[in-house]
Amino acid sequence: MRVAVVQFPGSNCDADAVRAVEVQGGQAQLVWHTEHSLGGVDAVILPGGFSYGDHLRSGAIAARSPIMESVKQFADAGGPVLGICNGFQILCESGLLPGALTRNGHLHFVCRSVTLQVTSTSSVFTGAYSLDQTLSVPVAHGEGSYYADPETLAELEGEGRVAFRYLGNPNGSLNDIAGIVNARGNVLGMMPHPERVVEGVLGGTDGRGIFESLQAFLGKKALAV
């Protein structure tokens, strides 16, 4: 699999995302935010970090970077897009996912491993997991509390689009939401960092299923063609 990892000024998890792709046997290429083309890749990752220093709102400026028009077109065509932490914020700010990420309820930065429950296995990025499986994945954010209006929350829940839920909510997210997908299931945004737990030497491999799922999806797509 060929994956574009988009770099914004302030991205700091881009190398981690590249490594996670390579551990799974894929090829990753860094794409600077001012580019207008993704370069014919199979998937896109918007990595974690603090794009533009979180000025205005986290992800607000990055969502308007030139490359995001190509990301939107890629996603609209069914291409897999993963946004992690700041990447999740960018997906919401760009309209690729609904809702918003706001200041943590306790107003403190949180940086530790949390327990997640897998609540959907039907998306591009979650097929390798089992329903209700629990995962240990680190978080590192100050604005990770997921918010959406009641109608949007009901839609996400009713359509099975909550991909991951916190067990022991670290930030005050509504409905304990840690990650959501779009209606088509090809765009995933999540605050925890799966790319940081893909090798045992890092303390765990619970995040590897994200990249295994992507690889399996792309393999099936290639066979279908």
C-alpha atoms as a PDB file:
ATOM      1  CA  MET A   1       0.000   0.000   0.000  1.00  0.00           C
ATOM      2  CA  ARG A   2       1.157   3.502  -0.850  1.00  0.00           C
ATOM      3  CA  VAL A   3       0.198   6.082   1.755  1.00  0.00           C
ATOM      4  CA  ALA A   4       0.553   9.862   1.733  1.00  0.00           C
ATOM      5  CA  VAL A   5       1.341  11.367   5.132  1.00  0.00           C
ATOM      6  CA  VAL A   6       0.504  15.066   4.967  1.00  0.00           C
ATOM      7  CA  GLN A   7       2.842  17.455   6.785  1.00  0.00           C
ATOM      8  CA  PHE A   8       1.636  20.782   8.123  1.00  0.00           C
ATOM      9  CA  PRO A   9       3.712  23.395   9.979  1.00  0.00           C
ATOM     10  CA  GLY A  10       3.595  21.994  13.520  1.00  0.00           C
ATOM     11  CA  SER A  11       2.995  18.322  12.644  1.00  0.00           C
ATOM     12  CA  ASN A  12       5.038  16.175  15.032  1.00  0.00           C
ATOM     13  CA  CYS A  13       3.693  12.642  14.514  1.00  0.00           C
ATOM     14  CA  ASP A  14       4.402  12.412  10.799  1.00  0.00           C
ATOM     15  CA  ALA A  15       7.469  10.198  11.256  1.00  0.00           C
ATOM     16  CA  ASP A  16       5.467   7.932  13.579  1.00  0.00           C
ATOM     17  CA  ALA A  17       2.779   7.549  10.913  1.00  0.00           C
ATOM     18  CA  VAL A  18       5.392   6.730   8.275  1.00  0.00           C
ATOM     19  CA  ARG A  19       6.895   4.086  10.549  1.00  0.00           C
ATOM     20  CA  ALA A  20       3.492   2.516  11.244  1.00  0.00           C
ATOM     21  CA  VAL A  21       2.858   2.153   7.507  1.00  0.00           C
ATOM     22  CA  GLU A  22       6.304   0.655   6.932  1.00  0.00           C
ATOM     23  CA  VAL A  23       5.894  -1.824   9.805  1.00  0.00           C
ATOM     24  CA  GLN A  24       2.849  -3.118   7.944  1.00  0.00           C
ATOM     25  CA  GLY A  25       4.900  -3.511   4.785  1.00  0.00           C
ATOM     26  CA  GLY A  26       3.600  -0.420   3.025  1.00  0.00           C
ATOM     27  CA  GLN A  27       5.308   2.578   1.477  1.00  0.00           C
ATOM     28  CA  ALA A  28       4.757   6.061   2.888  1.00  0.00           C
ATOM     29  CA  GLN A  29       5.548   9.386   1.296  1.00  0.00           C
ATOM     30  CA  LEU A  30       5.517  12.760   3.001  1.00  0.00           C
ATOM     31  CA  VAL A  31       3.406  15.402   1.257  1.00  0.00           C
ATOM     32  CA  TRP A  32       3.856  19.059   2.216  1.00  0.00           C
ATOM     33  CA  HIS A  33       0.640  20.981   2.863  1.00  0.00           C
ATOM     34  CA  THR A  34       1.221  23.476   0.056  1.00  0.00           C
ATOM     35  CA  GLU A  35       1.168  20.744  -2.600  1.00  0.00           C
ATOM     36  CA  HIS A  36      -1.891  20.357  -4.838  1.00  0.00           C
ATOM     37  CA  SER A  37      -1.545  16.646  -5.554  1.00  0.00           C
ATOM     38  CA  LEU A  38      -1.345  13.548  -3.374  1.00  0.00           C
ATOM     39  CA  GLY A  39       0.705  11.744  -5.990  1.00  0.00           C
ATOM     40  CA  GLY A  40      -1.407   8.729  -6.863  1.00  0.00           C
ATOM     41  CA  VAL A  41      -1.482   7.034  -3.462  1.00  0.00           C
ATOM     42  CA  ASP A  42      -3.839   4.395  -2.049  1.00  0.00           C
ATOM     43  CA  ALA A  43      -4.555   6.116   1.277  1.00  0.00           C
ATOM     44  CA  VAL A  44      -3.947   9.343   3.183  1.00  0.00           C
ATOM     45  CA  ILE A  45      -2.972  10.009   6.792  1.00  0.00           C
ATOM     46  CA  LEU A  46      -3.347  13.385   8.478  1.00  0.00           C
ATOM     47  CA  PRO A  47      -0.975  12.967  11.445  1.00  0.00           C
ATOM     48  CA  GLY A  48      -1.022  14.347  14.948  1.00  0.00           C
ATOM     49  CA  GLY A  49       0.705  17.485  16.129  1.00  0.00           C
ATOM     50  CA  PHE A  50      -0.144  21.154  16.525  1.00  0.00           C
ATOM     51  CA  SER A  51      -0.635  22.509  13.020  1.00  0.00           C
ATOM     52  CA  TYR A  52      -0.061  26.264  12.917  1.00  0.00           C
ATOM     53  CA  GLY A  53       0.420  26.167  16.689  1.00  0.00           C
ATOM     54  CA  ASP A  54      -3.311  25.519  17.159  1.00  0.00           C
ATOM     55  CA  HIS A  55      -3.874  29.189  16.304  1.00  0.00           C
ATOM     56  CA  LEU A  56      -7.562  30.214  16.144  1.00  0.00           C
ATOM     57  CA  ARG A  57      -8.819  26.628  16.698  1.00  0.00           C
ATOM     58  CA  SER A  58      -6.978  23.353  16.453  1.00  0.00           C
ATOM     59  CA  GLY A  59      -6.918  22.373  12.774  1.00  0.00           C
ATOM     60  CA  ALA A  60      -8.797  25.454  11.560  1.00  0.00           C
ATOM     61  CA  ILE A  61      -5.977  26.870   9.428  1.00  0.00           C
ATOM     62  CA  ALA A  62      -4.640  23.500   8.273  1.00  0.00           C
ATOM     63  CA  ALA A  63      -8.117  22.604   6.991  1.00  0.00           C
ATOM     64  CA  ARG A  64      -7.723  25.420   4.480  1.00  0.00           C
ATOM     65  CA  SER A  65      -4.291  24.373   3.205  1.00  0.00           C
ATOM     66  CA  PRO A  66      -4.007  23.759  -0.559  1.00  0.00           C
ATOM     67  CA  ILE A  67      -3.530  19.987  -0.179  1.00  0.00           C
ATOM     68  CA  MET A  68      -6.874  19.610   1.584  1.00  0.00           C
ATOM     69  CA  GLU A  69      -8.794  20.111  -1.648  1.00  0.00           C
ATOM     70  CA  SER A  70      -7.071  17.008  -3.011  1.00  0.00           C
ATOM     71  CA  VAL A  71      -7.749  15.156   0.246  1.00  0.00           C
ATOM     72  CA  LYS A  72     -11.455  16.010  -0.014  1.00  0.00           C
ATOM     73  CA  GLN A  73     -11.608  14.848  -3.641  1.00  0.00           C
ATOM     74  CA  PHE A  74      -9.775  11.654  -2.709  1.00  0.00           C
ATOM     75  CA  ALA A  75     -12.197  10.958   0.148  1.00  0.00           C
ATOM     76  CA  ASP A  76     -15.247  11.770  -1.981  1.00  0.00           C
ATOM     77  CA  ALA A  77     -14.040   9.167  -4.487  1.00  0.00           C
ATOM     78  CA  GLY A  78     -13.924   6.546  -1.733  1.00  0.00           C
ATOM     79  CA  GLY A  79     -10.242   6.793  -0.890  1.00  0.00           C
ATOM     80  CA  PRO A  80      -9.266   5.867   2.691  1.00  0.00           C
ATOM     81  CA  VAL A  81      -8.372   8.845   4.888  1.00  0.00           C
ATOM     82  CA  LEU A  82      -7.183   8.553   8.495  1.00  0.00           C
ATOM     83  CA  GLY A  83      -6.937  11.587  10.758  1.00  0.00           C
ATOM     84  CA  ILE A  84      -5.156  11.075  14.087  1.00  0.00           C
ATOM     85  CA  CYS A  85      -5.457  13.614  16.934  1.00  0.00           C
ATOM     86  CA  ASN A  86      -4.747  16.929  15.150  1.00  0.00           C
ATOM     87  CA  GLY A  87      -5.685  15.084  11.968  1.00  0.00           C
ATOM     88  CA  PHE A  88      -9.121  14.362  13.476  1.00  0.00           C
ATOM     89  CA  GLN A  89      -9.481  18.048  14.283  1.00  0.00           C
ATOM     90  CA  ILE A  90      -8.560  18.920  10.691  1.00  0.00           C
ATOM     91  CA  LEU A  91     -11.124  16.447   9.319  1.00  0.00           C
ATOM     92  CA  CYS A  92     -13.855  18.095  11.390  1.00  0.00           C
ATOM     93  CA  GLU A  93     -12.736  21.618  10.493  1.00  0.00           C
ATOM     94  CA  SER A  94     -12.714  20.720   6.792  1.00  0.00           C
ATOM     95  CA  GLY A  95     -16.210  19.194   6.905  1.00  0.00           C
ATOM     96  CA  LEU A  96     -15.069  15.660   6.081  1.00  0.00           C
ATOM     97  CA  LEU A  97     -16.398  14.578   9.482  1.00  0.00           C
ATOM     98  CA  PRO A  98     -19.154  16.157  11.580  1.00  0.00           C
ATOM     99  CA  GLY A  99     -18.780  17.767  14.986  1.00  0.00           C
ATOM    100  CA  ALA A 100     -15.830  19.460  16.633  1.00  0.00           C
ATOM    101  CA  LEU A 101     -13.032  18.822  19.095  1.00  0.00           C
ATOM    102  CA  THR A 102     -13.101  21.269  22.011  1.00  0.00           C
ATOM    103  CA  ARG A 103     -11.011  21.929  25.121  1.00  0.00           C
ATOM    104  CA  ASN A 104     -10.760  18.992  27.478  1.00  0.00           C
ATOM    105  CA  GLY A 105     -13.443  19.171  30.140  1.00  0.00           C
ATOM    106  CA  HIS A 106     -10.893  19.565  32.949  1.00  0.00           C
ATOM    107  CA  LEU A 107      -8.944  22.153  30.881  1.00  0.00           C
ATOM    108  CA  HIS A 108      -5.693  20.207  31.253  1.00  0.00           C
ATOM    109  CA  PHE A 109      -3.509  18.546  28.641  1.00  0.00           C
ATOM    110  CA  VAL A 110      -3.795  14.776  28.951  1.00  0.00           C
ATOM    111  CA  CYS A 111      -0.927  12.465  27.960  1.00  0.00           C
ATOM    112  CA  ARG A 112      -1.281   8.814  28.914  1.00  0.00           C
ATOM    113  CA  SER A 113      -2.549   5.475  27.714  1.00  0.00           C
ATOM    114  CA  VAL A 114      -6.318   5.033  27.726  1.00  0.00           C
ATOM    115  CA  THR A 115      -8.616   2.074  27.228  1.00  0.00           C
ATOM    116  CA  LEU A 116     -10.756   2.045  24.104  1.00  0.00           C
ATOM    117  CA  GLN A 117     -13.675  -0.146  23.135  1.00  0.00           C
ATOM    118  CA  VAL A 118     -14.110  -1.062  19.479  1.00  0.00           C
ATOM    119  CA  THR A 119     -17.726  -0.205  18.671  1.00  0.00           C
ATOM    120  CA  SER A 120     -17.722  -0.699  14.894  1.00  0.00           C
ATOM    121  CA  THR A 121     -15.834  -3.130  12.672  1.00  0.00           C
ATOM    122  CA  SER A 122     -17.478  -2.233   9.365  1.00  0.00           C
ATOM    123  CA  SER A 123     -15.196   0.626   8.305  1.00  0.00           C
ATOM    124  CA  VAL A 124     -12.052   0.542   6.188  1.00  0.00           C
ATOM    125  CA  PHE A 125      -9.877   0.974   9.281  1.00  0.00           C
ATOM    126  CA  THR A 126     -11.524  -1.307  11.859  1.00  0.00           C
ATOM    127  CA  GLY A 127     -12.142  -4.626  10.099  1.00  0.00           C
ATOM    128  CA  ALA A 128      -9.201  -6.363  11.795  1.00  0.00           C
ATOM    129  CA  TYR A 129     -10.685  -5.810  15.244  1.00  0.00           C
ATOM    130  CA  SER A 130     -13.500  -7.629  17.016  1.00  0.00           C
ATOM    131  CA  LEU A 131     -16.644  -5.863  18.167  1.00  0.00           C
ATOM    132  CA  ASP A 132     -16.312  -4.742  21.822  1.00  0.00           C
ATOM    133  CA  GLN A 133     -12.589  -5.555  21.812  1.00  0.00           C
ATOM    134  CA  THR A 134     -10.648  -3.378  24.252  1.00  0.00           C
ATOM    135  CA  LEU A 135      -7.423  -1.626  23.272  1.00  0.00           C
ATOM    136  CA  SER A 136      -4.735   0.274  25.136  1.00  0.00           C
ATOM    137  CA  VAL A 137      -3.748   3.321  23.081  1.00  0.00           C
ATOM    138  CA  PRO A 138      -2.040   6.570  24.154  1.00  0.00           C
ATOM    139  CA  VAL A 139      -3.579  10.029  23.921  1.00  0.00           C
ATOM    140  CA  ALA A 140      -1.820  13.400  23.965  1.00  0.00           C
ATOM    141  CA  HIS A 141      -4.102  16.399  23.548  1.00  0.00           C
ATOM    142  CA  GLY A 142      -5.556  19.498  25.132  1.00  0.00           C
ATOM    143  CA  GLU A 143      -8.524  19.844  22.776  1.00  0.00           C
ATOM    144  CA  GLY A 144      -9.880  16.339  22.388  1.00  0.00           C
ATOM    145  CA  SER A 145     -13.380  16.554  23.792  1.00  0.00           C
ATOM    146  CA  TYR A 146     -15.742  15.540  20.998  1.00  0.00           C
ATOM    147  CA  TYR A 147     -18.854  17.659  20.609  1.00  0.00           C
ATOM    148  CA  ALA A 148     -21.782  17.510  18.195  1.00  0.00           C
ATOM    149  CA  ASP A 149     -25.396  18.630  18.373  1.00  0.00           C
ATOM    150  CA  PRO A 150     -28.007  16.084  19.530  1.00  0.00           C
ATOM    151  CA  GLU A 151     -29.196  15.370  15.993  1.00  0.00           C
ATOM    152  CA  THR A 152     -25.666  14.603  14.776  1.00  0.00           C
ATOM    153  CA  LEU A 153     -24.961  12.420  17.803  1.00  0.00           C
ATOM    154  CA  ALA A 154     -28.156  10.471  17.203  1.00  0.00           C
ATOM    155  CA  GLU A 155     -27.196  10.007  13.553  1.00  0.00           C
ATOM    156  CA  LEU A 156     -23.696   8.777  14.425  1.00  0.00           C
ATOM    157  CA  GLU A 157     -25.039   6.343  16.986  1.00  0.00           C
ATOM    158  CA  GLY A 158     -27.958   5.181  14.854  1.00  0.00           C
ATOM    159  CA  GLU A 159     -25.767   4.511  11.827  1.00  0.00           C
ATOM    160  CA  GLY A 160     -23.033   2.738  13.801  1.00  0.00           C
ATOM    161  CA  ARG A 161     -20.455   5.390  12.961  1.00  0.00           C
ATOM    162  CA  VAL A 162     -18.829   5.610  16.381  1.00  0.00           C
ATOM    163  CA  ALA A 163     -15.716   3.534  15.760  1.00  0.00           C
ATOM    164  CA  PHE A 164     -14.094   3.777  19.192  1.00  0.00           C
ATOM    165  CA  ARG A 165     -15.355   4.727  22.625  1.00  0.00           C
ATOM    166  CA  TYR A 166     -13.402   5.577  25.761  1.00  0.00           C
ATOM    167  CA  LEU A 167     -13.698   3.332  28.791  1.00  0.00           C
ATOM    168  CA  GLY A 168     -12.831   5.942  31.391  1.00  0.00           C
ATOM    169  CA  ASN A 169     -13.332   9.190  29.485  1.00  0.00           C
ATOM    170  CA  PRO A 170     -10.121  11.291  29.719  1.00  0.00           C
ATOM    171  CA  ASN A 171     -11.447  14.526  28.205  1.00  0.00           C
ATOM    172  CA  GLY A 172     -15.222  14.854  28.551  1.00  0.00           C
ATOM    173  CA  SER A 173     -16.157  13.727  25.029  1.00  0.00           C
ATOM    174  CA  LEU A 174     -19.900  13.367  24.520  1.00  0.00           C
ATOM    175  CA  ASN A 175     -21.019   9.726  24.531  1.00  0.00           C
ATOM    176  CA  ASP A 176     -17.390   8.800  25.382  1.00  0.00           C
ATOM    177  CA  ILE A 177     -16.560   9.150  21.673  1.00  0.00           C
ATOM    178  CA  ALA A 178     -12.902   8.563  20.799  1.00  0.00           C
ATOM    179  CA  GLY A 179     -13.268   8.108  17.032  1.00  0.00           C
ATOM    180  CA  ILE A 180     -15.900   8.334  14.302  1.00  0.00           C
ATOM    181  CA  VAL A 181     -16.218   7.489  10.608  1.00  0.00           C
ATOM    182  CA  ASN A 182     -18.092   9.116   7.758  1.00  0.00           C
ATOM    183  CA  ALA A 183     -21.234   7.567   6.301  1.00  0.00           C
ATOM    184  CA  ARG A 184     -19.258   5.671   3.682  1.00  0.00           C
ATOM    185  CA  GLY A 185     -16.788   4.266   6.215  1.00  0.00           C
ATOM    186  CA  ASN A 186     -13.659   5.373   4.359  1.00  0.00           C
ATOM    187  CA  VAL A 187     -12.776   8.365   6.564  1.00  0.00           C
ATOM    188  CA  LEU A 188     -11.809   7.776  10.201  1.00  0.00           C
ATOM    189  CA  GLY A 189     -10.950  10.434  12.749  1.00  0.00           C
ATOM    190  CA  MET A 190      -9.687   9.453  16.198  1.00  0.00           C
ATOM    191  CA  MET A 191      -7.971  11.288  19.039  1.00  0.00           C
ATOM    192  CA  PRO A 192      -5.859   8.374  20.388  1.00  0.00           C
ATOM    193  CA  HIS A 193      -2.598   7.553  18.603  1.00  0.00           C
ATOM    194  CA  PRO A 194      -2.611   4.041  17.087  1.00  0.00           C
ATOM    195  CA  GLU A 195       0.654   4.741  15.259  1.00  0.00           C
ATOM    196  CA  ARG A 196       2.425   4.822  18.642  1.00  0.00           C
ATOM    197  CA  VAL A 197       1.500   1.226  19.483  1.00  0.00           C
ATOM    198  CA  VAL A 198       2.383  -0.851  16.434  1.00  0.00           C
ATOM    199  CA  GLU A 199       5.544  -2.500  17.792  1.00  0.00           C
ATOM    200  CA  GLY A 200       6.162  -4.343  21.044  1.00  0.00           C
ATOM    201  CA  VAL A 201       9.242  -2.254  21.749  1.00  0.00           C
ATOM    202  CA  LEU A 202       6.929   0.764  22.003  1.00  0.00           C
ATOM    203  CA  GLY A 203       4.898  -0.909  24.744  1.00  0.00           C
ATOM    204  CA  GLY A 204       2.097  -2.513  22.752  1.00  0.00           C
ATOM    205  CA  THR A 205       0.687  -3.414  19.371  1.00  0.00           C
ATOM    206  CA  ASP A 206      -3.010  -2.593  19.838  1.00  0.00           C
ATOM    207  CA  GLY A 207      -2.874   0.144  17.202  1.00  0.00           C
ATOM    208  CA  ARG A 208      -1.624  -2.136  14.486  1.00  0.00           C
ATOM    209  CA  GLY A 209      -5.132  -3.304  13.624  1.00  0.00           C
ATOM    210  CA  ILE A 210      -5.827   0.087  12.056  1.00  0.00           C
ATOM    211  CA  PHE A 211      -3.084  -0.456   9.489  1.00  0.00           C
ATOM    212  CA  GLU A 212      -3.841  -4.177   9.070  1.00  0.00           C
ATOM    213  CA  SER A 213      -7.449  -3.259   8.286  1.00  0.00           C
ATOM    214  CA  LEU A 214      -6.345  -0.705   5.702  1.00  0.00           C
ATOM    215  CA  GLN A 215      -3.975  -3.189   4.070  1.00  0.00           C
ATOM    216  CA  ALA A 216      -6.710  -5.845   3.899  1.00  0.00           C
ATOM    217  CA  PHE A 217      -9.179  -3.387   2.389  1.00  0.00           C
ATOM    218  CA  LEU A 218      -6.714  -2.296  -0.287  1.00  0.00           C
ATOM    219  CA  GLY A 219      -5.878  -5.916  -1.052  1.00  0.00           C
ATOM    220  CA  LYS A 220      -9.536  -6.781  -1.627  1.00  0.00           C
ATOM    221  CA  LYS A 221      -9.954  -3.667  -3.752  1.00  0.00           C
ATOM    222  CA  ALA A 222      -7.008  -4.668  -5.921  1.00  0.00           C
ATOM    223  CA  LEU A 223      -8.376  -8.193  -6.383  1.00  0.00           C
ATOM    224  CA  ALA A 224     -11.776  -6.797  -7.354  1.00  0.00           C
ATOM    225  CA  VAL A 225     -10.127  -4.743 -10.100  1.00  0.00           C
END
